[in-house]
PDB file of N, CA and C in Angstrom:
ATOM      1  N   MET A   1     -29.046  13.139  28.309  1.00  0.00           N
ATOM      2  CA  MET A   1     -28.424  14.051  27.360  1.00  0.00           C
ATOM      3  C   MET A   1     -28.138  13.314  26.057  1.00  0.00           C
ATOM      4  N   LYS A   2     -28.435  13.969  24.948  1.00  0.00           N
ATOM      5  CA  LYS A   2     -28.246  13.360  23.639  1.00  0.00           C
ATOM      6  C   LYS A   2     -26.807  13.565  23.169  1.00  0.00           C
ATOM      7  N   ILE A   3     -26.204  12.495  22.658  1.00  0.00           N
ATOM      8  CA  ILE A   3     -24.833  12.567  22.137  1.00  0.00           C
ATOM      9  C   ILE A   3     -24.903  13.038  20.690  1.00  0.00           C
ATOM     10  N   LYS A   4     -24.117  14.065  20.372  1.00  0.00           N
ATOM     11  CA  LYS A   4     -24.094  14.594  19.011  1.00  0.00           C
ATOM     12  C   LYS A   4     -23.267  13.685  18.115  1.00  0.00           C
ATOM     13  N   LYS A   5     -23.834  13.327  16.979  1.00  0.00           N
ATOM     14  CA  LYS A   5     -23.158  12.459  16.024  1.00  0.00           C
ATOM     15  C   LYS A   5     -22.130  13.275  15.239  1.00  0.00           C
ATOM     16  N   ILE A   6     -20.920  12.743  15.114  1.00  0.00           N
ATOM     17  CA  ILE A   6     -19.849  13.413  14.370  1.00  0.00           C
ATOM     18  C   ILE A   6     -19.829  12.846  12.948  1.00  0.00           C
ATOM     19  N   PRO A   7     -20.009  13.713  11.928  1.00  0.00           N
ATOM     20  CA  PRO A   7     -19.998  13.208  10.548  1.00  0.00           C
ATOM     21  C   PRO A   7     -18.637  12.639  10.170  1.00  0.00           C
ATOM     22  N   GLN A   8     -18.653  11.474   9.547  1.00  0.00           N
ATOM     23  CA  GLN A   8     -17.429  10.791   9.116  1.00  0.00           C
ATOM     24  C   GLN A   8     -17.319  10.840   7.600  1.00  0.00           C
ATOM     25  N   ARG A   9     -16.094  10.982   7.102  1.00  0.00           N
ATOM     26  CA  ARG A   9     -15.841  10.952   5.664  1.00  0.00           C
ATOM     27  C   ARG A   9     -14.611  10.087   5.421  1.00  0.00           C
ATOM     28  N   MET A  10     -14.508   9.539   4.202  1.00  0.00           N
ATOM     29  CA  MET A  10     -13.373   8.688   3.869  1.00  0.00           C
ATOM     30  C   MET A  10     -12.293   9.490   3.156  1.00  0.00           C
ATOM     31  N   CYS A  11     -11.070   9.319   3.608  1.00  0.00           N
ATOM     32  CA  CYS A  11      -9.923   9.951   2.949  1.00  0.00           C
ATOM     33  C   CYS A  11      -9.657   9.214   1.645  1.00  0.00           C
ATOM     34  N   THR A  12      -9.449   9.959   0.561  1.00  0.00           N
ATOM     35  CA  THR A  12      -9.206   9.325  -0.740  1.00  0.00           C
ATOM     36  C   THR A  12      -7.791   8.770  -0.850  1.00  0.00           C
ATOM     37  N   GLY A  13      -6.908   9.138   0.067  1.00  0.00           N
ATOM     38  CA  GLY A  13      -5.535   8.634   0.039  1.00  0.00           C
ATOM     39  C   GLY A  13      -5.387   7.318   0.778  1.00  0.00           C
ATOM     40  N   CYS A  14      -5.731   7.315   2.080  1.00  0.00           N
ATOM     41  CA  CYS A  14      -5.527   6.117   2.906  1.00  0.00           C
ATOM     42  C   CYS A  14      -6.796   5.277   3.047  1.00  0.00           C
ATOM     43  N   LEU A  15      -7.930   5.783   2.547  1.00  0.00           N
ATOM     44  CA  LEU A  15      -9.227   5.102   2.585  1.00  0.00           C
ATOM     45  C   LEU A  15      -9.726   4.816   4.006  1.00  0.00           C
ATOM     46  N   GLU A  16      -9.324   5.662   4.970  1.00  0.00           N
ATOM     47  CA  GLU A  16      -9.791   5.518   6.348  1.00  0.00           C
ATOM     48  C   GLU A  16     -10.928   6.497   6.607  1.00  0.00           C
ATOM     49  N   MET A  17     -11.890   6.064   7.416  1.00  0.00           N
ATOM     50  CA  MET A  17     -12.981   6.937   7.822  1.00  0.00           C
ATOM     51  C   MET A  17     -12.487   7.808   8.977  1.00  0.00           C
ATOM     52  N   LYS A  18     -12.675   9.114   8.840  1.00  0.00           N
ATOM     53  CA  LYS A  18     -12.225  10.060   9.865  1.00  0.00           C
ATOM     54  C   LYS A  18     -13.283  11.137  10.038  1.00  0.00           C
ATOM     55  N   PRO A  19     -13.263  11.850  11.172  1.00  0.00           N
ATOM     56  CA  PRO A  19     -14.206  12.968  11.339  1.00  0.00           C
ATOM     57  C   PRO A  19     -13.998  14.011  10.246  1.00  0.00           C
ATOM     58  N   LYS A  20     -15.098  14.523   9.725  1.00  0.00           N
ATOM     59  CA  LYS A  20     -15.092  15.481   8.611  1.00  0.00           C
ATOM     60  C   LYS A  20     -14.200  16.688   8.887  1.00  0.00           C
ATOM     61  N   LYS A  21     -14.175  17.156  10.133  1.00  0.00           N
ATOM     62  CA  LYS A  21     -13.402  18.352  10.501  1.00  0.00           C
ATOM     63  C   LYS A  21     -11.897  18.137  10.379  1.00  0.00           C
ATOM     64  N   GLU A  22     -11.439  16.876  10.418  1.00  0.00           N
ATOM     65  CA  GLU A  22     -10.002  16.578  10.346  1.00  0.00           C
ATOM     66  C   GLU A  22      -9.496  16.472   8.904  1.00  0.00           C
ATOM     67  N   LEU A  23     -10.392  16.566   7.935  1.00  0.00           N
ATOM     68  CA  LEU A  23     -10.026  16.374   6.538  1.00  0.00           C
ATOM     69  C   LEU A  23     -10.132  17.672   5.738  1.00  0.00           C
ATOM     70  N   ILE A  24      -9.437  17.720   4.614  1.00  0.00           N
ATOM     71  CA  ILE A  24      -9.519  18.846   3.690  1.00  0.00           C
ATOM     72  C   ILE A  24     -10.438  18.434   2.548  1.00  0.00           C
ATOM     73  N   ARG A  25     -11.355  19.314   2.173  1.00  0.00           N
ATOM     74  CA  ARG A  25     -12.307  19.002   1.102  1.00  0.00           C
ATOM     75  C   ARG A  25     -11.850  19.639  -0.205  1.00  0.00           C
ATOM     76  N   VAL A  26     -11.882  18.834  -1.269  1.00  0.00           N
ATOM     77  CA  VAL A  26     -11.632  19.328  -2.620  1.00  0.00           C
ATOM     78  C   VAL A  26     -12.967  19.216  -3.327  1.00  0.00           C
ATOM     79  N   VAL A  27     -13.399  20.306  -3.977  1.00  0.00           N
ATOM     80  CA  VAL A  27     -14.744  20.334  -4.555  1.00  0.00           C
ATOM     81  C   VAL A  27     -14.712  20.669  -6.041  1.00  0.00           C
ATOM     82  N   LYS A  28     -15.628  20.041  -6.785  1.00  0.00           N
ATOM     83  CA  LYS A  28     -15.796  20.348  -8.205  1.00  0.00           C
ATOM     84  C   LYS A  28     -17.160  21.018  -8.367  1.00  0.00           C
ATOM     85  N   SER A  29     -17.151  22.243  -8.880  1.00  0.00           N
ATOM     86  CA  SER A  29     -18.400  22.980  -9.061  1.00  0.00           C
ATOM     87  C   SER A  29     -19.145  22.469 -10.289  1.00  0.00           C
ATOM     88  N   LYS A  30     -20.374  22.946 -10.468  1.00  0.00           N
ATOM     89  CA  LYS A  30     -21.174  22.537 -11.624  1.00  0.00           C
ATOM     90  C   LYS A  30     -20.507  22.940 -12.933  1.00  0.00           C
ATOM     91  N   GLU A  31     -19.711  24.014 -12.899  1.00  0.00           N
ATOM     92  CA  GLU A  31     -18.998  24.481 -14.096  1.00  0.00           C
ATOM     93  C   GLU A  31     -17.768  23.625 -14.385  1.00  0.00           C
ATOM     94  N   GLY A  32     -17.432  22.702 -13.489  1.00  0.00           N
ATOM     95  CA  GLY A  32     -16.273  21.837 -13.695  1.00  0.00           C
ATOM     96  C   GLY A  32     -14.993  22.386 -13.085  1.00  0.00           C
ATOM     97  N   GLU A  33     -15.097  23.472 -12.331  1.00  0.00           N
ATOM     98  CA  GLU A  33     -13.930  24.093 -11.711  1.00  0.00           C
ATOM     99  C   GLU A  33     -13.599  23.374 -10.402  1.00  0.00           C
ATOM    100  N   VAL A  34     -12.349  22.949 -10.252  1.00  0.00           N
ATOM    101  CA  VAL A  34     -11.906  22.241  -9.053  1.00  0.00           C
ATOM    102  C   VAL A  34     -11.175  23.216  -8.142  1.00  0.00           C
ATOM    103  N   SER A  35     -11.538  23.198  -6.850  1.00  0.00           N
ATOM    104  CA  SER A  35     -10.881  24.094  -5.897  1.00  0.00           C
ATOM    105  C   SER A  35     -10.826  23.440  -4.518  1.00  0.00           C
ATOM    106  N   VAL A  36      -9.973  23.996  -3.652  1.00  0.00           N
ATOM    107  CA  VAL A  36      -9.862  23.522  -2.273  1.00  0.00           C
ATOM    108  C   VAL A  36     -10.910  24.267  -1.456  1.00  0.00           C
ATOM    109  N   ASP A  37     -11.726  23.519  -0.722  1.00  0.00           N
ATOM    110  CA  ASP A  37     -12.814  24.097   0.065  1.00  0.00           C
ATOM    111  C   ASP A  37     -12.474  23.988   1.545  1.00  0.00           C
ATOM    112  N   LEU A  38     -11.953  25.067   2.113  1.00  0.00           N
ATOM    113  CA  LEU A  38     -11.557  25.042   3.526  1.00  0.00           C
ATOM    114  C   LEU A  38     -12.757  25.152   4.466  1.00  0.00           C
ATOM    115  N   THR A  39     -13.857  25.738   3.979  1.00  0.00           N
ATOM    116  CA  THR A  39     -15.046  25.892   4.827  1.00  0.00           C
ATOM    117  C   THR A  39     -15.878  24.618   4.866  1.00  0.00           C
ATOM    118  N   GLY A  40     -15.779  23.805   3.815  1.00  0.00           N
ATOM    119  CA  GLY A  40     -16.574  22.582   3.732  1.00  0.00           C
ATOM    120  C   GLY A  40     -18.018  22.846   3.347  1.00  0.00           C
ATOM    121  N   LYS A  41     -18.303  24.047   2.850  1.00  0.00           N
ATOM    122  CA  LYS A  41     -19.676  24.418   2.546  1.00  0.00           C
ATOM    123  C   LYS A  41     -19.941  24.779   1.083  1.00  0.00           C
ATOM    124  N   LYS A  42     -18.915  24.740   0.242  1.00  0.00           N
ATOM    125  CA  LYS A  42     -19.119  25.091  -1.167  1.00  0.00           C
ATOM    126  C   LYS A  42     -20.021  24.075  -1.845  1.00  0.00           C
ATOM    127  N   ASN A  43     -20.796  24.542  -2.819  1.00  0.00           N
ATOM    128  CA  ASN A  43     -21.657  23.644  -3.590  1.00  0.00           C
ATOM    129  C   ASN A  43     -20.818  22.840  -4.567  1.00  0.00           C
ATOM    130  N   GLY A  44     -21.237  21.611  -4.810  1.00  0.00           N
ATOM    131  CA  GLY A  44     -20.566  20.775  -5.783  1.00  0.00           C
ATOM    132  C   GLY A  44     -20.185  19.430  -5.216  1.00  0.00           C
ATOM    133  N   ARG A  45     -19.567  18.633  -6.041  1.00  0.00           N
ATOM    134  CA  ARG A  45     -19.133  17.289  -5.652  1.00  0.00           C
ATOM    135  C   ARG A  45     -17.833  17.399  -4.869  1.00  0.00           C
ATOM    136  N   GLY A  46     -17.791  16.786  -3.703  1.00  0.00           N
ATOM    137  CA  GLY A  46     -16.620  16.890  -2.848  1.00  0.00           C
ATOM    138  C   GLY A  46     -15.892  15.579  -2.666  1.00  0.00           C
ATOM    139  N   ALA A  47     -14.603  15.684  -2.430  1.00  0.00           N
ATOM    140  CA  ALA A  47     -13.770  14.541  -2.066  1.00  0.00           C
ATOM    141  C   ALA A  47     -12.893  15.008  -0.909  1.00  0.00           C
ATOM    142  N   TYR A  48     -12.600  14.104  -0.006  1.00  0.00           N
ATOM    143  CA  TYR A  48     -11.865  14.474   1.203  1.00  0.00           C
ATOM    144  C   TYR A  48     -10.497  13.823   1.219  1.00  0.00           C
ATOM    145  N   ILE A  49      -9.554  14.526   1.868  1.00  0.00           N
ATOM    146  CA  ILE A  49      -8.197  13.996   1.991  1.00  0.00           C
ATOM    147  C   ILE A  49      -7.629  14.391   3.352  1.00  0.00           C
ATOM    148  N   CYS A  50      -6.837  13.482   3.943  1.00  0.00           N
ATOM    149  CA  CYS A  50      -6.197  13.756   5.237  1.00  0.00           C
ATOM    150  C   CYS A  50      -5.250  14.947   5.108  1.00  0.00           C
ATOM    151  N   LYS A  51      -4.900  15.501   6.241  1.00  0.00           N
ATOM    152  CA  LYS A  51      -3.958  16.618   6.234  1.00  0.00           C
ATOM    153  C   LYS A  51      -2.526  16.093   6.293  1.00  0.00           C
ATOM    154  N   SER A  52      -2.249  15.037   5.532  1.00  0.00           N
ATOM    155  CA  SER A  52      -0.892  14.497   5.485  1.00  0.00           C
ATOM    156  C   SER A  52      -0.430  14.402   4.029  1.00  0.00           C
ATOM    157  N   VAL A  53       0.833  14.695   3.811  1.00  0.00           N
ATOM    158  CA  VAL A  53       1.400  14.688   2.469  1.00  0.00           C
ATOM    159  C   VAL A  53       1.415  13.259   1.912  1.00  0.00           C
ATOM    160  N   ASP A  54       1.573  12.255   2.788  1.00  0.00           N
ATOM    161  CA  ASP A  54       1.575  10.856   2.343  1.00  0.00           C
ATOM    162  C   ASP A  54       0.251  10.496   1.673  1.00  0.00           C
ATOM    163  N   CYS A  55      -0.853  10.874   2.310  1.00  0.00           N
ATOM    164  CA  CYS A  55      -2.177  10.585   1.746  1.00  0.00           C
ATOM    165  C   CYS A  55      -2.363  11.316   0.419  1.00  0.00           C
ATOM    166  N   LEU A  56      -1.878  12.544   0.347  1.00  0.00           N
ATOM    167  CA  LEU A  56      -1.992  13.324  -0.889  1.00  0.00           C
ATOM    168  C   LEU A  56      -1.220  12.640  -2.018  1.00  0.00           C
ATOM    169  N   GLN A  57      -0.013  12.157  -1.704  1.00  0.00           N
ATOM    170  CA  GLN A  57       0.789  11.481  -2.721  1.00  0.00           C
ATOM    171  C   GLN A  57       0.134  10.178  -3.181  1.00  0.00           C
ATOM    172  N   LYS A  58      -0.464   9.432  -2.242  1.00  0.00           N
ATOM    173  CA  LYS A  58      -1.170   8.195  -2.600  1.00  0.00           C
ATOM    174  C   LYS A  58      -2.338   8.507  -3.530  1.00  0.00           C
ATOM    175  N   ALA A  59      -3.105   9.539  -3.184  1.00  0.00           N
ATOM    176  CA  ALA A  59      -4.263   9.916  -3.991  1.00  0.00           C
ATOM    177  C   ALA A  59      -3.819  10.421  -5.365  1.00  0.00           C
ATOM    178  N   PHE A  60      -2.684  11.117  -5.403  1.00  0.00           N
ATOM    179  CA  PHE A  60      -2.158  11.637  -6.676  1.00  0.00           C
ATOM    180  C   PHE A  60      -1.700  10.498  -7.578  1.00  0.00           C
ATOM    181  N   LYS A  61      -0.942   9.547  -7.013  1.00  0.00           N
ATOM    182  CA  LYS A  61      -0.421   8.427  -7.802  1.00  0.00           C
ATOM    183  C   LYS A  61      -1.533   7.543  -8.347  1.00  0.00           C
ATOM    184  N   SER A  62      -2.523   7.254  -7.508  1.00  0.00           N
ATOM    185  CA  SER A  62      -3.597   6.344  -7.923  1.00  0.00           C
ATOM    186  C   SER A  62      -4.728   7.075  -8.647  1.00  0.00           C
ATOM    187  N   LYS A  63      -4.614   8.405  -8.736  1.00  0.00           N
ATOM    188  CA  LYS A  63      -5.622   9.259  -9.383  1.00  0.00           C
ATOM    189  C   LYS A  63      -7.009   9.109  -8.754  1.00  0.00           C
ATOM    190  N   LYS A  64      -7.038   8.824  -7.447  1.00  0.00           N
ATOM    191  CA  LYS A  64      -8.319   8.636  -6.749  1.00  0.00           C
ATOM    192  C   LYS A  64      -9.116   9.920  -6.663  1.00  0.00           C
ATOM    193  N   LEU A  65      -8.434  11.043  -6.450  1.00  0.00           N
ATOM    194  CA  LEU A  65      -9.153  12.332  -6.399  1.00  0.00           C
ATOM    195  C   LEU A  65      -9.843  12.596  -7.731  1.00  0.00           C
ATOM    196  N   GLU A  66      -9.136  12.329  -8.811  1.00  0.00           N
ATOM    197  CA  GLU A  66      -9.714  12.545 -10.147  1.00  0.00           C
ATOM    198  C   GLU A  66     -10.912  11.633 -10.378  1.00  0.00           C
ATOM    199  N   LYS A  67     -10.823  10.391  -9.925  1.00  0.00           N
ATOM    200  CA  LYS A  67     -11.930   9.453 -10.089  1.00  0.00           C
ATOM    201  C   LYS A  67     -13.141   9.886  -9.253  1.00  0.00           C
ATOM    202  N   ASN A  68     -12.886  10.307  -8.007  1.00  0.00           N
ATOM    203  CA  ASN A  68     -13.990  10.730  -7.134  1.00  0.00           C
ATOM    204  C   ASN A  68     -14.696  11.974  -7.652  1.00  0.00           C
ATOM    205  N   LEU A  69     -13.922  12.906  -8.194  1.00  0.00           N
ATOM    206  CA  LEU A  69     -14.513  14.153  -8.697  1.00  0.00           C
ATOM    207  C   LEU A  69     -14.939  14.046 -10.157  1.00  0.00           C
ATOM    208  N   GLU A  70     -14.615  12.929 -10.775  1.00  0.00           N
ATOM    209  CA  GLU A  70     -14.995  12.662 -12.170  1.00  0.00           C
ATOM    210  C   GLU A  70     -14.479  13.729 -13.142  1.00  0.00           C
ATOM    211  N   THR A  71     -13.250  14.178 -12.931  1.00  0.00           N
ATOM    212  CA  THR A  71     -12.618  15.165 -13.798  1.00  0.00           C
ATOM    213  C   THR A  71     -11.104  15.106 -13.619  1.00  0.00           C
ATOM    214  N   SER A  72     -10.367  15.701 -14.548  1.00  0.00           N
ATOM    215  CA  SER A  72      -8.917  15.778 -14.360  1.00  0.00           C
ATOM    216  C   SER A  72      -8.612  16.970 -13.460  1.00  0.00           C
ATOM    217  N   ILE A  73      -7.588  16.816 -12.641  1.00  0.00           N
ATOM    218  CA  ILE A  73      -7.255  17.852 -11.662  1.00  0.00           C
ATOM    219  C   ILE A  73      -5.930  18.491 -12.043  1.00  0.00           C
ATOM    220  N   ASP A  74      -5.923  19.818 -12.067  1.00  0.00           N
ATOM    221  CA  ASP A  74      -4.732  20.588 -12.402  1.00  0.00           C
ATOM    222  C   ASP A  74      -3.684  20.422 -11.306  1.00  0.00           C
ATOM    223  N   GLU A  75      -2.428  20.487 -11.669  1.00  0.00           N
ATOM    224  CA  GLU A  75      -1.354  20.333 -10.687  1.00  0.00           C
ATOM    225  C   GLU A  75      -1.357  21.471  -9.660  1.00  0.00           C
ATOM    226  N   LYS A  76      -1.937  22.629 -10.040  1.00  0.00           N
ATOM    227  CA  LYS A  76      -2.030  23.757  -9.096  1.00  0.00           C
ATOM    228  C   LYS A  76      -2.840  23.364  -7.855  1.00  0.00           C
ATOM    229  N   ILE A  77      -3.872  22.546  -8.052  1.00  0.00           N
ATOM    230  CA  ILE A  77      -4.704  22.108  -6.928  1.00  0.00           C
ATOM    231  C   ILE A  77      -3.872  21.251  -5.972  1.00  0.00           C
ATOM    232  N   TYR A  78      -3.073  20.336  -6.536  1.00  0.00           N
ATOM    233  CA  TYR A  78      -2.208  19.507  -5.691  1.00  0.00           C
ATOM    234  C   TYR A  78      -1.200  20.370  -4.935  1.00  0.00           C
ATOM    235  N   ASN A  79      -0.648  21.388  -5.599  1.00  0.00           N
ATOM    236  CA  ASN A  79       0.304  22.286  -4.943  1.00  0.00           C
ATOM    237  C   ASN A  79      -0.374  23.080  -3.833  1.00  0.00           C
ATOM    238  N   THR A  80      -1.607  23.535  -4.071  1.00  0.00           N
ATOM    239  CA  THR A  80      -2.367  24.263  -3.048  1.00  0.00           C
ATOM    240  C   THR A  80      -2.609  23.357  -1.845  1.00  0.00           C
ATOM    241  N   LEU A  81      -2.961  22.114  -2.094  1.00  0.00           N
ATOM    242  CA  LEU A  81      -3.180  21.163  -1.007  1.00  0.00           C
ATOM    243  C   LEU A  81      -1.904  20.935  -0.199  1.00  0.00           C
ATOM    244  N   LYS A  82      -0.775  20.810  -0.894  1.00  0.00           N
ATOM    245  CA  LYS A  82       0.501  20.630  -0.203  1.00  0.00           C
ATOM    246  C   LYS A  82       0.808  21.822   0.694  1.00  0.00           C
ATOM    247  N   GLU A  83       0.555  23.029   0.201  1.00  0.00           N
ATOM    248  CA  GLU A  83       0.778  24.247   0.986  1.00  0.00           C
ATOM    249  C   GLU A  83      -0.114  24.248   2.236  1.00  0.00           C
ATOM    250  N   GLN A  84      -1.375  23.842   2.064  1.00  0.00           N
ATOM    251  CA  GLN A  84      -2.300  23.778   3.206  1.00  0.00           C
ATOM    252  C   GLN A  84      -1.775  22.817   4.274  1.00  0.00           C
ATOM    253  N   MET A  85      -1.225  21.709   3.838  1.00  0.00           N
ATOM    254  CA  MET A  85      -0.723  20.704   4.779  1.00  0.00           C
ATOM    255  C   MET A  85       0.524  21.172   5.505  1.00  0.00           C
ATOM    256  N   LYS A  86       1.332  21.988   4.840  1.00  0.00           N
ATOM    257  CA  LYS A  86       2.529  22.537   5.485  1.00  0.00           C
ATOM    258  C   LYS A  86       2.147  23.549   6.555  1.00  0.00           C
ATOM    259  N   ASP A  87       1.044  24.277   6.332  1.00  0.00           N
ATOM    260  CA  ASP A  87       0.593  25.291   7.281  1.00  0.00           C
ATOM    261  C   ASP A  87       0.010  24.676   8.559  1.00  0.00           C
ATOM    262  N   GLU A  88      -0.490  23.455   8.461  1.00  0.00           N
ATOM    263  CA  GLU A  88      -1.138  22.792   9.616  1.00  0.00           C
ATOM    264  C   GLU A  88      -0.144  22.478  10.713  1.00  0.00           C
TER     265      GLU A  88
END
């Protein structure tokens, strides 16, 4: 029996490799619009973050999400991410 490979992605907050399904994806579209991608299937450049507020704060302070997406990120996106983490 063949073992299915689980895709791994790096969290931009803690820089740990984790299974893709355990992370939240933030995506920048070709138009430059940044949004939270809960399906993981939107087109555009993606960055991943753990479902923990600590990782989000680390990524916010060091501006790693902005560097990965190559754009400035509106505070609304950070607030949306925080809300998603509270719901988990």
